[in-house]
Amino acid sequence: MKRLISVIAATALSGLVVASCAKSTYVVVPDQPSPEGRLAVMGPVRNFNLDAPPADWIISGGGTHRDEAAARSSSISSVMRDGVPALELKSGAERVIAVRQVNAMMLATPFLSWSWHLSNHGEGIHPMRLIVGFHGGAPKDAVQTSQGTGLPAHDRAIALVWGDTALRRGSLSLPSANKPFEAPIYTVRGGRENTRKWWLEHVDLSDLYAKAWPNDNRRRTRIAFIGLASAPTQSPVRGRISGILLTH
C-alpha cells in the first residue's frame, strides 16, 4: 500500500490512499479505442449500476446512497444535475475511488475530455479529482505501484485536480526529489467563483506525461485506467463528473 502514493500523492492530496479491492477471478479485457480513435470511458449513462458495475470497473470505499449508513459518510452515486447524468462523489471519513480499466496507446489517443460540476470546498485542492494510470513507458527499474491494490497494472499516474484559486490553472506540480513515487498534480481549473456550474475540460495527456517524465518512452506508454477519487474530509463535499472521453 505504501507505493500507492504514486497514484494520488498522499501528502499533496490530503492523504488519499486507495483501499485494496478483491482480485477478480477472471481476466478482464479492457476496452480499446475505436478505429476512429475514440473511447467513451464513462457515460453519460443514467442506469449505471453501482452495486454491480461492469467487470472493467473498480469501485472502492464508501457506499451508495441507497445505504443509510453510507449516506452519512463517503458515497458514490448516479445522479442528474442540471439535466446532465453524472457520477457524484460525496466525501466523508472514508476514501472513495472509481476507475475503469482501459487499454489505449497514449500517443494514439492523447486527448482526455470530461465535464465536472464541483461544490465549494474551501481552502486547498478539491477532494475530488481525476486519476489516470499509465503503463509500459517507464524504465524497467521503476516501481510497479499496482501490486496488492486491486488496480490495473501501472507504473505511472497523474492526478487532475481543481484548485482553490483560478490563478493555479494550468500548473503542474512535480514530486520532490525525496518523494519520487508521488504523483504529479495538474491543476485543470480552480476558484470558488467557478464552482456550482458545469465545465467542459480538455487536456493533452501526452504533453503532461512528457513534462512529468521526460526520460520515459512515450511510444510504449499505454493508458491503463481512468477514473475519479475523493479524499477523506471532515465535512461533506460533493463533486460530479460526466462524459469522460479519450480521443485522437
C-alpha atoms as a PDB file:
ATOM      1  CA  MET A   1       0.000   0.000   0.000  1.00  0.00           C
ATOM      2  CA  LYS A   2       2.869   2.390   0.696  1.00  0.00           C
ATOM      3  CA  ARG A   3       3.699   2.618  -3.009  1.00  0.00           C
ATOM      4  CA  LEU A   4       0.138   3.609  -3.861  1.00  0.00           C
ATOM      5  CA  ILE A   5       1.043   7.212  -3.044  1.00  0.00           C
ATOM      6  CA  SER A   6       2.194   7.440  -6.648  1.00  0.00           C
ATOM      7  CA  VAL A   7      -1.436   7.179  -7.676  1.00  0.00           C
ATOM      8  CA  ILE A   8      -2.759  10.024  -5.616  1.00  0.00           C
ATOM      9  CA  ALA A   9       0.171  11.804  -3.933  1.00  0.00           C
ATOM     10  CA  ALA A  10      -0.636  11.192  -0.304  1.00  0.00           C
ATOM     11  CA  THR A  11       0.771  14.407   1.124  1.00  0.00           C
ATOM     12  CA  ALA A  12      -0.309  16.886  -1.519  1.00  0.00           C
ATOM     13  CA  LEU A  13      -3.714  15.305  -1.985  1.00  0.00           C
ATOM     14  CA  SER A  14      -4.795  15.235   1.659  1.00  0.00           C
ATOM     15  CA  GLY A  15      -3.759  11.677   2.340  1.00  0.00           C
ATOM     16  CA  LEU A  16      -5.907   9.989  -0.269  1.00  0.00           C
ATOM     17  CA  VAL A  17      -4.826   6.347  -0.399  1.00  0.00           C
ATOM     18  CA  VAL A  18      -6.821   3.755  -2.284  1.00  0.00           C
ATOM     19  CA  ALA A  19      -8.064   0.755  -0.332  1.00  0.00           C
ATOM     20  CA  SER A  20      -7.366  -2.697  -1.705  1.00  0.00           C
ATOM     21  CA  CYS A  21     -10.028  -4.381  -3.780  1.00  0.00           C
ATOM     22  CA  ALA A  22     -10.710  -8.096  -4.118  1.00  0.00           C
ATOM     23  CA  LYS A  23      -8.994  -9.590  -7.134  1.00  0.00           C
ATOM     24  CA  SER A  24     -11.196 -10.750  -9.972  1.00  0.00           C
ATOM     25  CA  THR A  25     -11.425 -14.494 -10.569  1.00  0.00           C
ATOM     26  CA  TYR A  26     -11.099 -13.985 -14.322  1.00  0.00           C
ATOM     27  CA  VAL A  27      -9.116 -11.829 -16.686  1.00  0.00           C
ATOM     28  CA  VAL A  28     -10.748  -8.548 -17.633  1.00  0.00           C
ATOM     29  CA  VAL A  29     -10.226  -7.500 -21.241  1.00  0.00           C
ATOM     30  CA  PRO A  30     -10.277  -3.687 -21.196  1.00  0.00           C
ATOM     31  CA  ASP A  31     -11.873  -1.703 -23.979  1.00  0.00           C
ATOM     32  CA  GLN A  32      -9.699  -0.173 -26.657  1.00  0.00           C
ATOM     33  CA  PRO A  33     -10.363   2.945 -28.740  1.00  0.00           C
ATOM     34  CA  SER A  34     -12.398   2.581 -31.912  1.00  0.00           C
ATOM     35  CA  PRO A  35     -10.687   2.722 -35.324  1.00  0.00           C
ATOM     36  CA  GLU A  36     -11.641   6.406 -35.354  1.00  0.00           C
ATOM     37  CA  GLY A  37      -9.549   6.948 -32.208  1.00  0.00           C
ATOM     38  CA  ARG A  38     -12.351   7.427 -29.673  1.00  0.00           C
ATOM     39  CA  LEU A  39     -13.092   5.695 -26.388  1.00  0.00           C
ATOM     40  CA  ALA A  40     -16.000   6.694 -24.168  1.00  0.00           C
ATOM     41  CA  VAL A  41     -14.619   5.917 -20.726  1.00  0.00           C
ATOM     42  CA  MET A  42     -17.671   6.954 -18.744  1.00  0.00           C
ATOM     43  CA  GLY A  43     -21.203   7.975 -19.582  1.00  0.00           C
ATOM     44  CA  PRO A  44     -23.273   9.787 -19.651  1.00  0.00           C
ATOM     45  CA  VAL A  45     -25.492   6.847 -18.697  1.00  0.00           C
ATOM     46  CA  ARG A  46     -28.416   7.130 -16.325  1.00  0.00           C
ATOM     47  CA  ASN A  47     -28.682   3.437 -15.493  1.00  0.00           C
ATOM     48  CA  PHE A  48     -25.118   2.813 -14.320  1.00  0.00           C
ATOM     49  CA  ASN A  49     -25.437   0.135 -11.625  1.00  0.00           C
ATOM     50  CA  LEU A  50     -23.096   0.981  -8.769  1.00  0.00           C
ATOM     51  CA  ASP A  51     -24.000  -2.207  -6.919  1.00  0.00           C
ATOM     52  CA  ALA A  52     -22.965  -4.357  -9.893  1.00  0.00           C
ATOM     53  CA  PRO A  53     -20.581  -2.324 -12.062  1.00  0.00           C
ATOM     54  CA  PRO A  54     -19.080  -3.775 -15.243  1.00  0.00           C
ATOM     55  CA  ALA A  55     -16.083  -6.062 -14.773  1.00  0.00           C
ATOM     56  CA  ASP A  56     -13.640  -3.440 -16.015  1.00  0.00           C
ATOM     57  CA  TRP A  57     -14.621  -1.017 -13.230  1.00  0.00           C
ATOM     58  CA  ILE A  58     -13.121  -0.893  -9.746  1.00  0.00           C
ATOM     59  CA  ILE A  59     -15.131   0.899  -7.060  1.00  0.00           C
ATOM     60  CA  SER A  60     -13.726   1.042  -3.559  1.00  0.00           C
ATOM     61  CA  GLY A  61     -14.678   2.810  -0.338  1.00  0.00           C
ATOM     62  CA  GLY A  62     -17.874   4.492   0.809  1.00  0.00           C
ATOM     63  CA  GLY A  63     -21.203   3.141  -0.366  1.00  0.00           C
ATOM     64  CA  THR A  64     -24.230   4.005  -2.457  1.00  0.00           C
ATOM     65  CA  HIS A  65     -26.925   6.465  -1.457  1.00  0.00           C
ATOM     66  CA  ARG A  66     -29.280   3.540  -1.007  1.00  0.00           C
ATOM     67  CA  ASP A  67     -27.247   2.574   2.041  1.00  0.00           C
ATOM     68  CA  GLU A  68     -28.379   4.665   5.014  1.00  0.00           C
ATOM     69  CA  ALA A  69     -25.047   4.359   6.805  1.00  0.00           C
ATOM     70  CA  ALA A  70     -23.117   5.344   3.680  1.00  0.00           C
ATOM     71  CA  ALA A  71     -25.424   8.302   3.143  1.00  0.00           C
ATOM     72  CA  ARG A  72     -23.986   9.790   6.314  1.00  0.00           C
ATOM     73  CA  SER A  73     -20.418   9.218   5.138  1.00  0.00           C
ATOM     74  CA  SER A  74     -18.463   8.912   1.901  1.00  0.00           C
ATOM     75  CA  SER A  75     -20.506   7.725  -1.060  1.00  0.00           C
ATOM     76  CA  ILE A  76     -20.715   7.424  -4.812  1.00  0.00           C
ATOM     77  CA  SER A  77     -23.996   7.571  -6.689  1.00  0.00           C
ATOM     78  CA  SER A  78     -25.553   8.051 -10.113  1.00  0.00           C
ATOM     79  CA  VAL A  79     -27.349  11.419 -10.299  1.00  0.00           C
ATOM     80  CA  MET A  80     -28.879  14.021 -12.588  1.00  0.00           C
ATOM     81  CA  ARG A  81     -27.529  17.546 -12.165  1.00  0.00           C
ATOM     82  CA  ASP A  82     -28.961  20.366 -14.272  1.00  0.00           C
ATOM     83  CA  GLY A  83     -30.195  17.759 -16.715  1.00  0.00           C
ATOM     84  CA  VAL A  84     -26.803  16.042 -17.008  1.00  0.00           C
ATOM     85  CA  PRO A  85     -26.405  12.379 -15.959  1.00  0.00           C
ATOM     86  CA  ALA A  86     -23.273  12.006 -13.879  1.00  0.00           C
ATOM     87  CA  LEU A  87     -21.470  10.130 -11.156  1.00  0.00           C
ATOM     88  CA  GLU A  88     -21.390  12.015  -7.879  1.00  0.00           C
ATOM     89  CA  LEU A  89     -18.818  11.545  -5.150  1.00  0.00           C
ATOM     90  CA  LYS A  90     -19.598  12.782  -1.672  1.00  0.00           C
ATOM     91  CA  SER A  91     -16.549  12.978   0.547  1.00  0.00           C
ATOM     92  CA  GLY A  92     -16.606  11.894   4.159  1.00  0.00           C
ATOM     93  CA  ALA A  93     -14.496   9.969   6.615  1.00  0.00           C
ATOM     94  CA  GLU A  94     -13.683   7.254   4.068  1.00  0.00           C
ATOM     95  CA  ARG A  95     -11.752   7.451   0.845  1.00  0.00           C
ATOM     96  CA  VAL A  96     -13.632   6.708  -2.382  1.00  0.00           C
ATOM     97  CA  ILE A  97     -12.341   5.646  -5.774  1.00  0.00           C
ATOM     98  CA  ALA A  98     -13.970   4.568  -9.049  1.00  0.00           C
ATOM     99  CA  VAL A  99     -11.733   3.755 -12.025  1.00  0.00           C
ATOM    100  CA  ARG A 100     -12.238   1.986 -15.311  1.00  0.00           C
ATOM    101  CA  GLN A 101      -9.571  -0.225 -16.826  1.00  0.00           C
ATOM    102  CA  VAL A 102      -8.719   0.716 -20.423  1.00  0.00           C
ATOM    103  CA  ASN A 103      -6.076  -0.192 -22.971  1.00  0.00           C
ATOM    104  CA  ALA A 104      -5.122   2.747 -25.164  1.00  0.00           C
ATOM    105  CA  MET A 105      -1.799   3.826 -26.651  1.00  0.00           C
ATOM    106  CA  MET A 106      -1.200   7.274 -25.223  1.00  0.00           C
ATOM    107  CA  LEU A 107       0.181   8.820 -28.415  1.00  0.00           C
ATOM    108  CA  ALA A 108      -2.729   7.420 -30.438  1.00  0.00           C
ATOM    109  CA  THR A 109      -5.399   8.843 -28.096  1.00  0.00           C
ATOM    110  CA  PRO A 110      -3.665  11.598 -26.122  1.00  0.00           C
ATOM    111  CA  PHE A 111      -6.625  13.908 -25.544  1.00  0.00           C
ATOM    112  CA  LEU A 112      -8.789  13.459 -22.463  1.00  0.00           C
ATOM    113  CA  SER A 113     -12.022  15.407 -22.075  1.00  0.00           C
ATOM    114  CA  TRP A 114     -14.735  15.438 -19.431  1.00  0.00           C
ATOM    115  CA  SER A 115     -17.269  17.665 -17.717  1.00  0.00           C
ATOM    116  CA  TRP A 116     -17.356  18.329 -13.993  1.00  0.00           C
ATOM    117  CA  HIS A 117     -19.529  20.210 -11.540  1.00  0.00           C
ATOM    118  CA  LEU A 118     -17.998  20.770  -8.105  1.00  0.00           C
ATOM    119  CA  SER A 119     -19.304  22.225  -4.875  1.00  0.00           C
ATOM    120  CA  ASN A 120     -17.377  24.868  -2.947  1.00  0.00           C
ATOM    121  CA  HIS A 121     -14.730  23.062  -0.908  1.00  0.00           C
ATOM    122  CA  GLY A 122     -12.959  25.876   0.925  1.00  0.00           C
ATOM    123  CA  GLU A 123      -9.178  26.079   1.034  1.00  0.00           C
ATOM    124  CA  GLY A 124      -6.771  23.746  -0.730  1.00  0.00           C
ATOM    125  CA  ILE A 125      -7.331  21.246  -3.522  1.00  0.00           C
ATOM    126  CA  HIS A 126     -10.876  19.989  -4.016  1.00  0.00           C
ATOM    127  CA  PRO A 127     -11.148  16.463  -2.537  1.00  0.00           C
ATOM    128  CA  MET A 128     -12.495  15.068  -5.821  1.00  0.00           C
ATOM    129  CA  ARG A 129     -10.095  14.627  -8.717  1.00  0.00           C
ATOM    130  CA  LEU A 130      -9.491  12.575 -11.853  1.00  0.00           C
ATOM    131  CA  ILE A 131      -6.735   9.977 -11.753  1.00  0.00           C
ATOM    132  CA  VAL A 132      -5.048   8.467 -14.806  1.00  0.00           C
ATOM    133  CA  GLY A 133      -2.716   5.473 -14.709  1.00  0.00           C
ATOM    134  CA  PHE A 134      -0.089   4.635 -17.334  1.00  0.00           C
ATOM    135  CA  HIS A 135       1.890   1.505 -18.098  1.00  0.00           C
ATOM    136  CA  GLY A 136       4.795   0.489 -20.296  1.00  0.00           C
ATOM    137  CA  GLY A 137       6.817   3.642 -20.782  1.00  0.00           C
ATOM    138  CA  ALA A 138       8.761   3.838 -17.519  1.00  0.00           C
ATOM    139  CA  PRO A 139      12.272   2.409 -17.128  1.00  0.00           C
ATOM    140  CA  LYS A 140      12.423  -1.221 -16.047  1.00  0.00           C
ATOM    141  CA  ASP A 141      13.620  -0.268 -12.586  1.00  0.00           C
ATOM    142  CA  ALA A 142      10.531   1.868 -11.932  1.00  0.00           C
ATOM    143  CA  VAL A 143       8.488   0.541  -9.020  1.00  0.00           C
ATOM    144  CA  GLN A 144       5.220  -1.112 -10.028  1.00  0.00           C
ATOM    145  CA  THR A 145       2.607   0.624  -7.900  1.00  0.00           C
ATOM    146  CA  SER A 146      -0.316  -1.662  -8.626  1.00  0.00           C
ATOM    147  CA  GLN A 147       0.687  -4.742  -6.681  1.00  0.00           C
ATOM    148  CA  GLY A 148      -1.719  -5.515  -3.844  1.00  0.00           C
ATOM    149  CA  THR A 149      -4.051  -2.618  -4.617  1.00  0.00           C
ATOM    150  CA  GLY A 150      -6.602  -4.206  -6.932  1.00  0.00           C
ATOM    151  CA  LEU A 151      -5.874  -1.525  -9.541  1.00  0.00           C
ATOM    152  CA  PRO A 152      -4.840  -2.347 -13.099  1.00  0.00           C
ATOM    153  CA  ALA A 153      -1.080  -2.698 -13.594  1.00  0.00           C
ATOM    154  CA  HIS A 154       0.564   0.716 -13.895  1.00  0.00           C
ATOM    155  CA  ASP A 155       3.948   2.300 -13.350  1.00  0.00           C
ATOM    156  CA  ARG A 156       2.988   5.984 -13.599  1.00  0.00           C
ATOM    157  CA  ALA A 157      -0.048   8.010 -12.560  1.00  0.00           C
ATOM    158  CA  ILE A 158      -1.185  11.616 -12.553  1.00  0.00           C
ATOM    159  CA  ALA A 159      -3.903  13.477 -10.669  1.00  0.00           C
ATOM    160  CA  LEU A 160      -6.022  16.155 -12.388  1.00  0.00           C
ATOM    161  CA  VAL A 161      -7.361  18.492  -9.731  1.00  0.00           C
ATOM    162  CA  TRP A 162      -9.409  21.610  -9.006  1.00  0.00           C
ATOM    163  CA  GLY A 163      -7.556  24.260  -7.004  1.00  0.00           C
ATOM    164  CA  ASP A 164      -8.896  26.820  -4.567  1.00  0.00           C
ATOM    165  CA  THR A 165      -7.857  29.697  -6.841  1.00  0.00           C
ATOM    166  CA  ALA A 166      -8.208  30.262 -10.580  1.00  0.00           C
ATOM    167  CA  LEU A 167      -4.604  31.515 -10.648  1.00  0.00           C
ATOM    168  CA  ARG A 168      -3.318  27.947 -10.308  1.00  0.00           C
ATOM    169  CA  ARG A 169      -4.986  26.847 -13.536  1.00  0.00           C
ATOM    170  CA  GLY A 170      -2.560  25.098 -15.868  1.00  0.00           C
ATOM    171  CA  SER A 171       0.124  24.464 -13.251  1.00  0.00           C
ATOM    172  CA  LEU A 172       1.894  21.110 -12.984  1.00  0.00           C
ATOM    173  CA  SER A 173       3.371  20.237  -9.596  1.00  0.00           C
ATOM    174  CA  LEU A 174       6.047  17.547  -9.668  1.00  0.00           C
ATOM    175  CA  PRO A 175       7.022  15.460  -6.623  1.00  0.00           C
ATOM    176  CA  SER A 176      10.111  16.447  -4.693  1.00  0.00           C
ATOM    177  CA  ALA A 177      13.363  14.536  -5.171  1.00  0.00           C
ATOM    178  CA  ASN A 178      12.976  12.735  -1.850  1.00  0.00           C
ATOM    179  CA  LYS A 179       9.458  11.565  -2.765  1.00  0.00           C
ATOM    180  CA  PRO A 180       9.904  10.251  -6.329  1.00  0.00           C
ATOM    181  CA  PHE A 181       6.905   7.920  -6.177  1.00  0.00           C
ATOM    182  CA  GLU A 182       4.315  10.581  -5.515  1.00  0.00           C
ATOM    183  CA  ALA A 183       2.046  11.501  -8.406  1.00  0.00           C
ATOM    184  CA  PRO A 184       2.393  14.770 -10.324  1.00  0.00           C
ATOM    185  CA  ILE A 185      -0.590  17.062  -9.799  1.00  0.00           C
ATOM    186  CA  TYR A 186      -2.031  19.102 -12.658  1.00  0.00           C
ATOM    187  CA  THR A 187      -4.450  21.890 -11.753  1.00  0.00           C
ATOM    188  CA  VAL A 188      -7.021  21.962 -14.537  1.00  0.00           C
ATOM    189  CA  ARG A 189      -9.217  24.711 -13.116  1.00  0.00           C
ATOM    190  CA  GLY A 190      -9.929  26.394  -9.806  1.00  0.00           C
ATOM    191  CA  GLY A 191     -11.582  29.184  -7.917  1.00  0.00           C
ATOM    192  CA  ARG A 192     -14.611  29.179  -5.659  1.00  0.00           C
ATOM    193  CA  GLU A 193     -16.299  31.558  -8.087  1.00  0.00           C
ATOM    194  CA  ASN A 194     -16.249  28.771 -10.691  1.00  0.00           C
ATOM    195  CA  THR A 195     -17.906  26.111  -8.563  1.00  0.00           C
ATOM    196  CA  ARG A 196     -21.561  25.017  -8.826  1.00  0.00           C
ATOM    197  CA  LYS A 197     -21.587  25.032 -12.632  1.00  0.00           C
ATOM    198  CA  TRP A 198     -20.650  22.590 -15.372  1.00  0.00           C
ATOM    199  CA  TRP A 199     -17.269  22.974 -17.074  1.00  0.00           C
ATOM    200  CA  LEU A 200     -16.025  21.090 -20.132  1.00  0.00           C
ATOM    201  CA  GLU A 201     -12.299  20.321 -19.940  1.00  0.00           C
ATOM    202  CA  HIS A 202      -9.642  19.095 -22.370  1.00  0.00           C
ATOM    203  CA  VAL A 203      -6.087  18.038 -21.521  1.00  0.00           C
ATOM    204  CA  ASP A 204      -3.262  16.567 -23.601  1.00  0.00           C
ATOM    205  CA  LEU A 205      -2.070  13.568 -21.595  1.00  0.00           C
ATOM    206  CA  SER A 206       0.979  13.043 -23.811  1.00  0.00           C
ATOM    207  CA  ASP A 207       2.131  16.606 -23.140  1.00  0.00           C
ATOM    208  CA  LEU A 208       1.653  16.260 -19.381  1.00  0.00           C
ATOM    209  CA  TYR A 209       3.430  12.901 -19.431  1.00  0.00           C
ATOM    210  CA  ALA A 210       6.412  14.345 -21.303  1.00  0.00           C
ATOM    211  CA  LYS A 211       6.747  17.161 -18.766  1.00  0.00           C
ATOM    212  CA  ALA A 212       6.412  14.846 -15.784  1.00  0.00           C
ATOM    213  CA  TRP A 213       8.640  12.015 -17.065  1.00  0.00           C
ATOM    214  CA  PRO A 214      10.805  13.390 -19.900  1.00  0.00           C
ATOM    215  CA  ASN A 215      13.077  10.324 -19.983  1.00  0.00           C
ATOM    216  CA  ASP A 216      10.303   7.742 -20.382  1.00  0.00           C
ATOM    217  CA  ASN A 217       9.485   6.041 -23.675  1.00  0.00           C
ATOM    218  CA  ARG A 218       6.183   7.640 -24.640  1.00  0.00           C
ATOM    219  CA  ARG A 219       5.838   5.443 -27.731  1.00  0.00           C
ATOM    220  CA  ARG A 220       5.404   2.423 -25.464  1.00  0.00           C
ATOM    221  CA  THR A 221       3.181   4.128 -22.920  1.00  0.00           C
ATOM    222  CA  ARG A 222      -0.396   2.912 -22.612  1.00  0.00           C
ATOM    223  CA  ILE A 223      -3.237   4.448 -20.657  1.00  0.00           C
ATOM    224  CA  ALA A 224      -4.146   1.723 -18.161  1.00  0.00           C
ATOM    225  CA  PHE A 225      -7.042   3.256 -16.245  1.00  0.00           C
ATOM    226  CA  ILE A 226      -9.024   6.465 -15.859  1.00  0.00           C
ATOM    227  CA  GLY A 227     -11.363   7.349 -13.046  1.00  0.00           C
ATOM    228  CA  LEU A 228     -12.182   9.592 -10.162  1.00  0.00           C
ATOM    229  CA  ALA A 229     -11.414   9.625  -6.477  1.00  0.00           C
ATOM    230  CA  SER A 230     -12.250  11.616  -3.386  1.00  0.00           C
ATOM    231  CA  ALA A 231     -10.017  12.213  -0.384  1.00  0.00           C
ATOM    232  CA  PRO A 232     -11.468  11.968   3.135  1.00  0.00           C
ATOM    233  CA  THR A 233     -12.851  15.185   4.635  1.00  0.00           C
ATOM    234  CA  GLN A 234     -14.410  16.207   7.949  1.00  0.00           C
ATOM    235  CA  SER A 235     -17.359  17.926   6.265  1.00  0.00           C
ATOM    236  CA  PRO A 236     -19.169  16.545   3.188  1.00  0.00           C
ATOM    237  CA  VAL A 237     -18.003  17.943  -0.146  1.00  0.00           C
ATOM    238  CA  ARG A 238     -19.585  16.895  -3.450  1.00  0.00           C
ATOM    239  CA  GLY A 239     -18.237  16.562  -6.949  1.00  0.00           C
ATOM    240  CA  ARG A 240     -19.928  15.352 -10.132  1.00  0.00           C
ATOM    241  CA  ILE A 241     -18.367  14.161 -13.370  1.00  0.00           C
ATOM    242  CA  SER A 242     -19.755  13.146 -16.751  1.00  0.00           C
ATOM    243  CA  GLY A 243     -18.639  12.198 -20.233  1.00  0.00           C
ATOM    244  CA  ILE A 244     -15.020  11.104 -19.785  1.00  0.00           C
ATOM    245  CA  LEU A 245     -13.688  10.640 -23.316  1.00  0.00           C
ATOM    246  CA  LEU A 246     -10.362   9.716 -24.940  1.00  0.00           C
ATOM    247  CA  THR A 247      -9.755  10.947 -28.486  1.00  0.00           C
ATOM    248  CA  HIS A 248      -7.070  11.162 -31.133  1.00  0.00           C
END
